[in-house]
């Protein structure tokens, strides 16, 4: 962040960025706090905040922007979305098709089939007993393999809240005797 501040000070000395420097001083801390909440990492938040201010600086004429604060927070939100898209694309590229997974065939053993059906019944009961928001977050995370950031954006809640929903559902599964691993 010190680099961005030094650059903005240099712009101010050059007479170009008085409004931009004042904006930096006014909403740098709230912007970093917002990004830290979204990313859950202060280092990532600082990098993203620096990128926001560099975009503002590179954008030229800040006088054409009606609200620098709104512009900065919108730019930050767009950076978060881009980051989420890149992560999703990377996950999809590394995903293994179901057809390529070698699963053992337990179809021939009646005890295995009965045990699987009982486990499925317990899972269905636990899922049905979850609060709707917890159930929705858990199913999106485990069945649809969506990222927590994507689920948070979809549900309109924080990533931390999605983590809590998934954690609560996993705890409920384990309490019911269902073995489940974290992704």
N, C-alpha and C. Protein backbone atom coordinates (compact mmCIF):
# COMPACT_ATOMS: atom_id res chain seq x y z
N UNK A 1 0.82 -1.18 0.00
CA UNK A 1 0.00 0.00 0.00
C UNK A 1 0.87 1.24 0.00
N UNK A 2 2.04 1.15 0.56
CA UNK A 2 2.93 2.29 0.61
C UNK A 2 3.32 2.74 -0.79
N UNK A 3 3.45 1.78 -1.71
CA UNK A 3 3.81 2.11 -3.09
C UNK A 3 2.72 2.97 -3.72
N UNK A 4 1.45 2.56 -3.54
CA UNK A 4 0.34 3.33 -4.11
C UNK A 4 0.28 4.72 -3.48
N UNK A 5 0.51 4.80 -2.18
CA UNK A 5 0.49 6.10 -1.51
C UNK A 5 1.60 6.99 -2.04
N UNK A 6 2.79 6.43 -2.25
CA UNK A 6 3.90 7.20 -2.79
C UNK A 6 3.59 7.70 -4.20
N UNK A 7 2.98 6.81 -5.01
CA UNK A 7 2.62 7.21 -6.37
C UNK A 7 1.58 8.33 -6.35
N UNK A 8 0.60 8.20 -5.47
CA UNK A 8 -0.43 9.24 -5.38
C UNK A 8 0.17 10.55 -4.88
N UNK A 9 1.12 10.47 -3.97
CA UNK A 9 1.80 11.69 -3.52
C UNK A 9 2.56 12.32 -4.68
N UNK A 10 3.19 11.50 -5.51
CA UNK A 10 3.89 12.00 -6.68
C UNK A 10 2.95 12.67 -7.66
N UNK A 11 1.77 12.09 -7.84
CA UNK A 11 0.76 12.69 -8.71
C UNK A 11 0.32 14.04 -8.15
N UNK A 12 0.14 14.10 -6.85
CA UNK A 12 -0.29 15.35 -6.23
C UNK A 12 0.77 16.44 -6.42
N UNK A 13 2.04 16.05 -6.24
CA UNK A 13 3.11 17.02 -6.43
C UNK A 13 3.14 17.52 -7.87
N UNK A 14 2.79 16.64 -8.79
CA UNK A 14 2.79 17.03 -10.19
C UNK A 14 1.57 17.88 -10.52
N UNK A 15 0.64 18.03 -9.58
CA UNK A 15 -0.51 18.89 -9.77
C UNK A 15 -1.68 18.22 -10.47
N UNK A 16 -1.65 16.89 -10.63
CA UNK A 16 -2.70 16.22 -11.39
C UNK A 16 -3.74 15.55 -10.50
N UNK A 17 -3.38 15.15 -9.32
CA UNK A 17 -4.27 14.24 -8.61
C UNK A 17 -4.69 14.68 -7.24
N UNK A 18 -4.93 15.96 -7.02
CA UNK A 18 -5.34 16.41 -5.69
C UNK A 18 -6.60 15.72 -5.22
N UNK A 19 -7.60 15.63 -6.08
CA UNK A 19 -8.86 14.98 -5.72
C UNK A 19 -8.65 13.49 -5.49
N UNK A 20 -7.81 12.89 -6.30
CA UNK A 20 -7.53 11.45 -6.16
C UNK A 20 -6.79 11.17 -4.86
N UNK A 21 -5.82 12.01 -4.51
CA UNK A 21 -5.08 11.82 -3.27
C UNK A 21 -5.99 11.99 -2.06
N UNK A 22 -6.85 12.99 -2.11
CA UNK A 22 -7.81 13.20 -1.01
C UNK A 22 -8.74 12.01 -0.89
N UNK A 23 -9.18 11.48 -2.02
CA UNK A 23 -10.06 10.30 -2.01
C UNK A 23 -9.34 9.11 -1.41
N UNK A 24 -8.06 8.96 -1.78
CA UNK A 24 -7.27 7.86 -1.23
C UNK A 24 -7.22 7.96 0.29
N UNK A 25 -6.95 9.15 0.78
CA UNK A 25 -6.85 9.34 2.23
C UNK A 25 -8.19 9.12 2.92
N UNK A 26 -9.28 9.44 2.24
CA UNK A 26 -10.62 9.31 2.84
C UNK A 26 -11.12 7.86 2.89
N UNK A 27 -10.97 7.14 1.78
CA UNK A 27 -11.60 5.81 1.78
C UNK A 27 -10.67 4.65 1.51
N UNK A 28 -9.39 4.85 1.76
CA UNK A 28 -8.45 3.73 1.67
C UNK A 28 -8.77 2.68 2.74
N UNK A 29 -8.92 3.14 3.98
CA UNK A 29 -9.18 2.19 5.07
C UNK A 29 -10.52 1.46 4.90
N UNK A 30 -11.63 2.16 4.59
CA UNK A 30 -12.89 1.42 4.38
C UNK A 30 -12.82 0.45 3.20
N UNK A 31 -12.10 0.84 2.15
CA UNK A 31 -11.98 -0.04 0.99
C UNK A 31 -11.19 -1.30 1.35
N UNK A 32 -10.08 -1.12 2.07
CA UNK A 32 -9.30 -2.30 2.49
C UNK A 32 -10.11 -3.18 3.44
N UNK A 33 -10.90 -2.57 4.33
CA UNK A 33 -11.73 -3.35 5.26
C UNK A 33 -12.77 -4.17 4.47
N UNK A 34 -13.39 -3.54 3.49
CA UNK A 34 -14.37 -4.24 2.64
C UNK A 34 -13.71 -5.42 1.92
N UNK A 35 -12.56 -5.17 1.33
CA UNK A 35 -11.86 -6.23 0.61
C UNK A 35 -11.36 -7.33 1.55
N UNK A 36 -10.95 -6.96 2.74
CA UNK A 36 -10.49 -7.96 3.72
C UNK A 36 -11.65 -8.87 4.14
N UNK A 37 -12.85 -8.28 4.29
CA UNK A 37 -14.03 -9.09 4.63
C UNK A 37 -14.36 -10.06 3.50
N UNK A 38 -14.22 -9.59 2.27
CA UNK A 38 -14.57 -10.43 1.12
C UNK A 38 -13.54 -11.52 0.86
N UNK A 39 -12.27 -11.20 1.04
CA UNK A 39 -11.21 -12.16 0.72
C UNK A 39 -10.73 -12.96 1.93
N UNK A 40 -11.00 -12.45 3.12
CA UNK A 40 -10.55 -13.05 4.38
C UNK A 40 -9.01 -13.12 4.44
N UNK A 41 -8.35 -12.20 3.75
CA UNK A 41 -6.89 -12.16 3.74
C UNK A 41 -6.46 -10.70 3.60
N UNK A 42 -5.76 -10.20 4.61
CA UNK A 42 -5.37 -8.79 4.58
C UNK A 42 -4.36 -8.51 3.46
N UNK A 43 -3.52 -9.47 3.14
CA UNK A 43 -2.54 -9.27 2.07
C UNK A 43 -3.24 -9.15 0.71
N UNK A 44 -4.21 -10.04 0.46
CA UNK A 44 -4.98 -9.95 -0.78
C UNK A 44 -5.76 -8.64 -0.84
N UNK A 45 -6.31 -8.24 0.31
CA UNK A 45 -7.09 -7.01 0.36
C UNK A 45 -6.21 -5.81 0.02
N UNK A 46 -4.99 -5.79 0.54
CA UNK A 46 -4.08 -4.68 0.23
C UNK A 46 -3.71 -4.67 -1.25
N UNK A 47 -3.46 -5.85 -1.82
CA UNK A 47 -3.12 -5.92 -3.24
C UNK A 47 -4.28 -5.43 -4.10
N UNK A 48 -5.50 -5.87 -3.75
CA UNK A 48 -6.66 -5.46 -4.53
C UNK A 48 -6.94 -3.97 -4.37
N UNK A 49 -6.78 -3.44 -3.16
CA UNK A 49 -6.99 -2.01 -2.94
C UNK A 49 -5.98 -1.21 -3.74
N UNK A 50 -4.75 -1.66 -3.76
CA UNK A 50 -3.73 -0.98 -4.54
C UNK A 50 -4.10 -1.00 -6.02
N UNK A 51 -4.61 -2.11 -6.50
CA UNK A 51 -5.03 -2.21 -7.90
C UNK A 51 -6.18 -1.24 -8.19
N UNK A 52 -7.10 -1.09 -7.25
CA UNK A 52 -8.21 -0.15 -7.43
C UNK A 52 -7.67 1.27 -7.59
N UNK A 53 -6.78 1.67 -6.70
CA UNK A 53 -6.25 3.02 -6.77
C UNK A 53 -5.38 3.23 -8.01
N UNK A 54 -4.68 2.20 -8.44
CA UNK A 54 -3.91 2.33 -9.68
C UNK A 54 -4.84 2.49 -10.87
N UNK A 55 -5.97 1.80 -10.86
CA UNK A 55 -6.95 1.96 -11.93
C UNK A 55 -7.51 3.38 -11.94
N UNK A 56 -7.79 3.90 -10.74
CA UNK A 56 -8.27 5.29 -10.65
C UNK A 56 -7.21 6.24 -11.19
N UNK A 57 -5.98 6.01 -10.83
CA UNK A 57 -4.89 6.88 -11.23
C UNK A 57 -4.68 6.82 -12.74
N UNK A 58 -4.69 5.60 -13.30
CA UNK A 58 -4.49 5.42 -14.73
C UNK A 58 -5.68 5.94 -15.54
N UNK A 59 -6.85 5.95 -14.91
CA UNK A 59 -8.06 6.36 -15.61
C UNK A 59 -8.04 7.80 -16.05
N UNK A 60 -7.13 8.58 -15.51
CA UNK A 60 -7.06 9.98 -15.91
C UNK A 60 -8.13 10.80 -15.22
N UNK A 61 -8.59 11.81 -15.82
CA UNK A 61 -9.53 12.83 -15.36
C UNK A 61 -10.53 12.37 -14.31
N UNK A 62 -10.15 12.42 -13.02
CA UNK A 62 -11.11 12.03 -11.98
C UNK A 62 -12.28 13.00 -11.88
N UNK A 63 -12.17 14.18 -12.48
CA UNK A 63 -13.27 15.13 -12.43
C UNK A 63 -14.47 14.64 -13.23
N UNK A 64 -14.26 13.72 -14.18
CA UNK A 64 -15.36 13.16 -14.97
C UNK A 64 -16.15 12.12 -14.18
N UNK A 65 -15.59 11.63 -13.10
CA UNK A 65 -16.26 10.63 -12.26
C UNK A 65 -17.05 11.39 -11.21
N UNK A 66 -18.36 11.10 -11.13
CA UNK A 66 -19.22 11.82 -10.19
C UNK A 66 -18.91 11.48 -8.74
N UNK A 67 -18.65 10.22 -8.47
CA UNK A 67 -18.36 9.79 -7.11
C UNK A 67 -17.17 8.84 -7.14
N UNK A 68 -16.03 9.33 -6.72
CA UNK A 68 -14.83 8.48 -6.71
C UNK A 68 -14.99 7.30 -5.77
N UNK A 69 -15.68 7.53 -4.65
CA UNK A 69 -15.86 6.45 -3.69
C UNK A 69 -16.69 5.33 -4.30
N UNK A 70 -17.80 5.68 -4.94
CA UNK A 70 -18.64 4.66 -5.58
C UNK A 70 -17.87 3.95 -6.68
N UNK A 71 -17.12 4.72 -7.45
CA UNK A 71 -16.32 4.15 -8.53
C UNK A 71 -15.28 3.16 -7.96
N UNK A 72 -14.63 3.55 -6.87
CA UNK A 72 -13.61 2.69 -6.26
C UNK A 72 -14.21 1.39 -5.73
N UNK A 73 -15.36 1.49 -5.06
CA UNK A 73 -15.98 0.28 -4.52
C UNK A 73 -16.52 -0.61 -5.63
N UNK A 74 -17.01 0.00 -6.71
CA UNK A 74 -17.47 -0.80 -7.85
C UNK A 74 -16.28 -1.48 -8.52
N UNK A 75 -15.18 -0.76 -8.65
CA UNK A 75 -13.97 -1.36 -9.21
C UNK A 75 -13.49 -2.52 -8.33
N UNK A 76 -13.55 -2.34 -7.02
CA UNK A 76 -13.14 -3.41 -6.09
C UNK A 76 -14.04 -4.63 -6.25
N UNK A 77 -15.34 -4.40 -6.36
CA UNK A 77 -16.29 -5.50 -6.55
C UNK A 77 -16.00 -6.23 -7.86
N UNK A 78 -15.70 -5.47 -8.90
CA UNK A 78 -15.38 -6.09 -10.19
C UNK A 78 -14.08 -6.89 -10.12
N UNK A 79 -13.10 -6.39 -9.38
CA UNK A 79 -11.86 -7.14 -9.19
C UNK A 79 -12.12 -8.45 -8.46
N UNK A 80 -12.99 -8.41 -7.46
CA UNK A 80 -13.34 -9.63 -6.73
C UNK A 80 -14.04 -10.64 -7.64
N UNK A 81 -14.93 -10.14 -8.50
CA UNK A 81 -15.62 -11.03 -9.45
C UNK A 81 -14.63 -11.65 -10.43
N UNK A 82 -13.71 -10.83 -10.94
CA UNK A 82 -12.70 -11.35 -11.86
C UNK A 82 -11.86 -12.43 -11.18
N UNK A 83 -11.50 -12.17 -9.95
CA UNK A 83 -10.70 -13.14 -9.18
C UNK A 83 -11.48 -14.44 -8.99
N UNK A 84 -12.77 -14.33 -8.70
CA UNK A 84 -13.62 -15.51 -8.52
C UNK A 84 -13.73 -16.28 -9.83
N UNK A 85 -13.91 -15.57 -10.94
CA UNK A 85 -13.99 -16.24 -12.24
C UNK A 85 -12.70 -16.99 -12.57
N UNK A 86 -11.56 -16.36 -12.30
CA UNK A 86 -10.28 -17.02 -12.56
C UNK A 86 -10.15 -18.28 -11.72
N UNK A 87 -10.55 -18.19 -10.46
CA UNK A 87 -10.48 -19.35 -9.57
C UNK A 87 -11.38 -20.47 -10.07
N UNK A 88 -12.61 -20.11 -10.48
CA UNK A 88 -13.56 -21.10 -11.00
C UNK A 88 -13.00 -21.76 -12.26
N UNK A 89 -12.44 -20.96 -13.16
CA UNK A 89 -11.88 -21.50 -14.40
C UNK A 89 -10.73 -22.44 -14.09
N UNK A 90 -9.89 -22.06 -13.15
CA UNK A 90 -8.77 -22.91 -12.75
C UNK A 90 -9.29 -24.23 -12.16
N UNK A 91 -10.35 -24.15 -11.34
CA UNK A 91 -10.92 -25.36 -10.75
C UNK A 91 -11.49 -26.26 -11.84
N UNK A 92 -12.19 -25.67 -12.82
CA UNK A 92 -12.78 -26.46 -13.90
C UNK A 92 -11.70 -27.13 -14.74
N UNK A 93 -10.60 -26.41 -14.96
CA UNK A 93 -9.51 -26.97 -15.75
C UNK A 93 -8.88 -28.17 -15.03
N UNK A 94 -8.85 -28.14 -13.70
CA UNK A 94 -8.24 -29.22 -12.92
C UNK A 94 -9.23 -30.32 -12.54
N UNK A 95 -10.50 -30.13 -12.88
CA UNK A 95 -11.52 -31.11 -12.52
C UNK A 95 -11.33 -32.40 -13.32
N UNK A 96 -11.74 -33.50 -12.71
CA UNK A 96 -11.66 -34.81 -13.35
C UNK A 96 -13.07 -35.23 -13.74
N UNK A 97 -13.30 -35.58 -15.00
CA UNK A 97 -14.64 -36.03 -15.41
C UNK A 97 -15.06 -37.28 -14.63
N UNK A 98 -16.34 -37.37 -14.36
CA UNK A 98 -16.86 -38.50 -13.59
C UNK A 98 -16.54 -39.82 -14.29
N UNK A 99 -16.58 -39.82 -15.60
CA UNK A 99 -16.31 -41.06 -16.35
C UNK A 99 -14.88 -41.56 -16.13
N UNK A 100 -13.96 -40.67 -15.78
CA UNK A 100 -12.57 -41.06 -15.58
C UNK A 100 -12.27 -41.54 -14.16
N UNK A 101 -13.24 -41.43 -13.27
CA UNK A 101 -13.03 -41.84 -11.89
C UNK A 101 -13.32 -43.33 -11.77
N UNK A 102 -12.37 -44.04 -11.23
CA UNK A 102 -12.53 -45.49 -11.07
C UNK A 102 -13.12 -45.77 -9.68
N UNK A 103 -14.41 -46.07 -9.67
CA UNK A 103 -15.09 -46.36 -8.41
C UNK A 103 -15.29 -47.87 -8.28
N UNK A 104 -15.11 -48.37 -7.08
CA UNK A 104 -15.34 -49.81 -6.89
C UNK A 104 -16.83 -50.13 -7.04
N UNK A 105 -17.11 -51.31 -7.55
CA UNK A 105 -18.49 -51.75 -7.75
C UNK A 105 -18.96 -52.55 -6.54
N UNK A 106 -19.87 -51.95 -5.78
CA UNK A 106 -20.42 -52.63 -4.62
C UNK A 106 -21.80 -53.19 -4.92
N UNK A 107 -22.20 -53.13 -6.16
CA UNK A 107 -23.55 -53.57 -6.54
C UNK A 107 -23.80 -55.04 -6.27
N UNK A 108 -22.77 -55.85 -6.24
CA UNK A 108 -22.96 -57.28 -6.06
C UNK A 108 -23.18 -57.70 -4.61
N UNK A 109 -22.85 -56.86 -3.66
CA UNK A 109 -22.98 -57.22 -2.26
C UNK A 109 -24.25 -56.60 -1.67
N UNK A 110 -25.22 -57.40 -1.31
CA UNK A 110 -26.48 -56.86 -0.78
C UNK A 110 -26.28 -56.03 0.49
N UNK A 111 -25.33 -56.41 1.33
CA UNK A 111 -25.12 -55.65 2.56
C UNK A 111 -24.62 -54.24 2.26
N UNK A 112 -23.80 -54.10 1.23
CA UNK A 112 -23.30 -52.78 0.84
C UNK A 112 -24.42 -51.91 0.30
N UNK A 113 -25.30 -52.52 -0.47
CA UNK A 113 -26.43 -51.77 -1.03
C UNK A 113 -27.34 -51.28 0.10
N UNK A 114 -27.63 -52.14 1.05
CA UNK A 114 -28.48 -51.76 2.18
C UNK A 114 -27.81 -50.67 3.01
N UNK A 115 -26.52 -50.82 3.25
CA UNK A 115 -25.78 -49.81 4.02
C UNK A 115 -25.79 -48.47 3.29
N UNK A 116 -25.61 -48.49 1.98
CA UNK A 116 -25.63 -47.25 1.20
C UNK A 116 -27.01 -46.60 1.25
N UNK A 117 -28.05 -47.39 1.14
CA UNK A 117 -29.41 -46.85 1.20
C UNK A 117 -29.71 -46.25 2.58
N UNK A 118 -29.23 -46.91 3.62
CA UNK A 118 -29.42 -46.37 4.97
C UNK A 118 -28.67 -45.05 5.15
N UNK A 119 -27.45 -45.01 4.64
CA UNK A 119 -26.66 -43.78 4.73
C UNK A 119 -27.34 -42.65 3.96
N UNK A 120 -27.84 -42.97 2.76
CA UNK A 120 -28.56 -41.95 1.99
C UNK A 120 -29.79 -41.45 2.71
N UNK A 121 -30.50 -42.34 3.38
CA UNK A 121 -31.68 -41.93 4.14
C UNK A 121 -31.29 -40.99 5.28
N UNK A 122 -30.19 -41.29 5.97
CA UNK A 122 -29.72 -40.42 7.05
C UNK A 122 -29.31 -39.06 6.48
N UNK A 123 -28.60 -39.06 5.36
CA UNK A 123 -28.18 -37.81 4.73
C UNK A 123 -29.40 -36.98 4.33
N UNK A 124 -30.38 -37.61 3.72
CA UNK A 124 -31.60 -36.90 3.32
C UNK A 124 -32.32 -36.31 4.53
N UNK A 125 -32.35 -37.05 5.62
CA UNK A 125 -33.01 -36.57 6.83
C UNK A 125 -32.26 -35.37 7.42
N UNK A 126 -30.94 -35.46 7.46
CA UNK A 126 -30.13 -34.35 8.00
C UNK A 126 -30.30 -33.12 7.13
N UNK A 127 -30.24 -33.28 5.81
CA UNK A 127 -30.38 -32.15 4.90
C UNK A 127 -31.77 -31.52 5.03
N UNK A 128 -32.78 -32.35 5.16
CA UNK A 128 -34.15 -31.84 5.31
C UNK A 128 -34.30 -31.06 6.62
N UNK A 129 -33.52 -31.42 7.63
CA UNK A 129 -33.61 -30.75 8.93
C UNK A 129 -32.82 -29.46 9.03
N UNK A 130 -32.03 -29.13 8.01
CA UNK A 130 -31.24 -27.90 8.03
C UNK A 130 -32.12 -26.69 7.70
N UNK A 131 -31.69 -25.52 8.19
CA UNK A 131 -32.38 -24.29 7.80
C UNK A 131 -32.24 -24.12 6.30
N UNK A 132 -33.21 -23.48 5.66
CA UNK A 132 -33.17 -23.34 4.19
C UNK A 132 -31.88 -22.70 3.67
N UNK A 133 -31.38 -21.66 4.33
CA UNK A 133 -30.17 -21.01 3.84
C UNK A 133 -28.96 -21.92 4.01
N UNK A 134 -28.90 -22.64 5.12
CA UNK A 134 -27.80 -23.58 5.35
C UNK A 134 -27.87 -24.71 4.33
N UNK A 135 -29.06 -25.23 4.10
CA UNK A 135 -29.24 -26.32 3.13
C UNK A 135 -28.81 -25.85 1.73
N UNK A 136 -29.25 -24.65 1.35
CA UNK A 136 -28.93 -24.12 0.03
C UNK A 136 -27.42 -23.96 -0.14
N UNK A 137 -26.75 -23.36 0.85
CA UNK A 137 -25.30 -23.15 0.78
C UNK A 137 -24.57 -24.49 0.73
N UNK A 138 -24.99 -25.44 1.55
CA UNK A 138 -24.34 -26.75 1.61
C UNK A 138 -24.50 -27.51 0.29
N UNK A 139 -25.70 -27.52 -0.27
CA UNK A 139 -25.93 -28.24 -1.52
C UNK A 139 -25.17 -27.60 -2.68
N UNK A 140 -25.11 -26.28 -2.72
CA UNK A 140 -24.35 -25.62 -3.77
C UNK A 140 -22.86 -25.95 -3.64
N UNK A 141 -22.39 -25.99 -2.40
CA UNK A 141 -20.96 -26.24 -2.17
C UNK A 141 -20.60 -27.70 -2.45
N UNK A 142 -21.38 -28.63 -1.93
CA UNK A 142 -21.01 -30.05 -2.04
C UNK A 142 -21.49 -30.70 -3.34
N UNK A 143 -22.71 -30.41 -3.79
CA UNK A 143 -23.23 -31.09 -4.97
C UNK A 143 -22.88 -30.36 -6.27
N UNK A 144 -22.95 -29.03 -6.24
CA UNK A 144 -22.66 -28.26 -7.45
C UNK A 144 -21.20 -27.86 -7.55
N UNK A 145 -20.43 -28.12 -6.48
CA UNK A 145 -18.99 -27.81 -6.42
C UNK A 145 -18.70 -26.35 -6.76
N UNK A 146 -19.55 -25.46 -6.24
CA UNK A 146 -19.34 -24.03 -6.47
C UNK A 146 -18.42 -23.49 -5.39
N UNK A 147 -17.70 -22.45 -5.70
CA UNK A 147 -16.80 -21.84 -4.72
C UNK A 147 -17.63 -21.09 -3.68
N UNK A 148 -17.05 -20.93 -2.51
CA UNK A 148 -17.77 -20.22 -1.45
C UNK A 148 -17.99 -18.76 -1.82
N UNK A 149 -17.06 -18.17 -2.54
CA UNK A 149 -17.23 -16.78 -2.97
C UNK A 149 -18.40 -16.67 -3.95
N UNK A 150 -18.51 -17.63 -4.84
CA UNK A 150 -19.60 -17.65 -5.82
C UNK A 150 -20.95 -17.84 -5.11
N UNK A 151 -20.98 -18.74 -4.15
CA UNK A 151 -22.21 -18.99 -3.38
C UNK A 151 -22.59 -17.73 -2.61
N UNK A 152 -21.61 -17.08 -2.00
CA UNK A 152 -21.88 -15.85 -1.24
C UNK A 152 -22.48 -14.78 -2.14
N UNK A 153 -21.91 -14.62 -3.33
CA UNK A 153 -22.43 -13.63 -4.26
C UNK A 153 -23.85 -14.00 -4.69
N UNK A 154 -24.09 -15.27 -4.92
CA UNK A 154 -25.41 -15.74 -5.34
C UNK A 154 -26.47 -15.55 -4.24
N UNK A 155 -26.07 -15.81 -3.00
CA UNK A 155 -27.02 -15.72 -1.88
C UNK A 155 -27.10 -14.32 -1.29
N UNK A 156 -26.14 -13.47 -1.64
CA UNK A 156 -26.14 -12.11 -1.10
C UNK A 156 -25.67 -12.03 0.34
N UNK A 157 -24.77 -12.94 0.70
CA UNK A 157 -24.21 -12.95 2.06
C UNK A 157 -22.69 -12.93 1.95
N UNK A 158 -22.02 -12.83 3.07
CA UNK A 158 -20.55 -12.82 3.06
C UNK A 158 -20.02 -14.25 2.90
N UNK A 159 -18.78 -14.33 2.46
CA UNK A 159 -18.11 -15.63 2.32
C UNK A 159 -18.02 -16.30 3.69
N UNK A 160 -17.79 -15.51 4.72
CA UNK A 160 -17.72 -16.04 6.08
C UNK A 160 -19.03 -16.71 6.47
N UNK A 161 -20.16 -16.12 6.07
CA UNK A 161 -21.46 -16.70 6.39
C UNK A 161 -21.64 -18.03 5.65
N UNK A 162 -21.18 -18.10 4.41
CA UNK A 162 -21.26 -19.36 3.66
C UNK A 162 -20.42 -20.42 4.35
N UNK A 163 -19.23 -20.05 4.81
CA UNK A 163 -18.38 -20.99 5.54
C UNK A 163 -19.10 -21.53 6.77
N UNK A 164 -19.77 -20.64 7.48
CA UNK A 164 -20.50 -21.06 8.69
C UNK A 164 -21.63 -22.01 8.35
N UNK A 165 -22.37 -21.71 7.26
CA UNK A 165 -23.46 -22.61 6.84
C UNK A 165 -22.91 -23.99 6.50
N UNK A 166 -21.84 -24.03 5.71
CA UNK A 166 -21.26 -25.32 5.30
C UNK A 166 -20.72 -26.07 6.51
N UNK A 167 -20.05 -25.35 7.39
CA UNK A 167 -19.50 -25.97 8.59
C UNK A 167 -20.60 -26.55 9.48
N UNK A 168 -21.69 -25.79 9.63
CA UNK A 168 -22.82 -26.27 10.44
C UNK A 168 -23.41 -27.54 9.83
N UNK A 169 -23.57 -27.54 8.50
CA UNK A 169 -24.14 -28.72 7.84
C UNK A 169 -23.21 -29.93 7.98
N UNK A 170 -21.90 -29.70 7.84
CA UNK A 170 -20.94 -30.80 7.99
C UNK A 170 -20.97 -31.36 9.41
N UNK A 171 -21.09 -30.47 10.39
CA UNK A 171 -21.18 -30.91 11.78
C UNK A 171 -22.44 -31.73 12.00
N UNK A 172 -23.55 -31.30 11.41
CA UNK A 172 -24.81 -32.05 11.53
C UNK A 172 -24.66 -33.43 10.90
N UNK A 173 -23.97 -33.51 9.77
CA UNK A 173 -23.76 -34.81 9.11
C UNK A 173 -22.92 -35.73 10.01
N UNK A 174 -21.84 -35.18 10.54
CA UNK A 174 -20.97 -36.00 11.39
C UNK A 174 -21.70 -36.43 12.66
N UNK A 175 -22.53 -35.55 13.21
CA UNK A 175 -23.29 -35.90 14.42
C UNK A 175 -24.27 -37.03 14.15
N UNK A 176 -24.75 -37.10 12.89
CA UNK A 176 -25.67 -38.16 12.52
C UNK A 176 -24.95 -39.46 12.15
N UNK A 177 -23.62 -39.43 12.20
CA UNK A 177 -22.85 -40.63 11.93
C UNK A 177 -22.44 -40.79 10.48
N UNK A 178 -22.60 -39.75 9.69
CA UNK A 178 -22.21 -39.81 8.29
C UNK A 178 -20.77 -39.33 8.17
N UNK A 179 -19.93 -40.20 7.57
CA UNK A 179 -18.53 -39.81 7.36
C UNK A 179 -18.46 -38.92 6.14
N UNK A 180 -17.86 -37.75 6.30
CA UNK A 180 -17.71 -36.84 5.15
C UNK A 180 -16.40 -36.08 5.31
N UNK A 181 -15.76 -35.91 4.18
CA UNK A 181 -14.50 -35.17 4.17
C UNK A 181 -14.75 -33.77 3.64
N UNK A 182 -13.90 -32.84 4.09
CA UNK A 182 -13.96 -31.49 3.54
C UNK A 182 -13.36 -31.54 2.14
N UNK A 183 -13.87 -30.66 1.30
CA UNK A 183 -13.34 -30.62 -0.08
C UNK A 183 -11.94 -30.10 -0.08
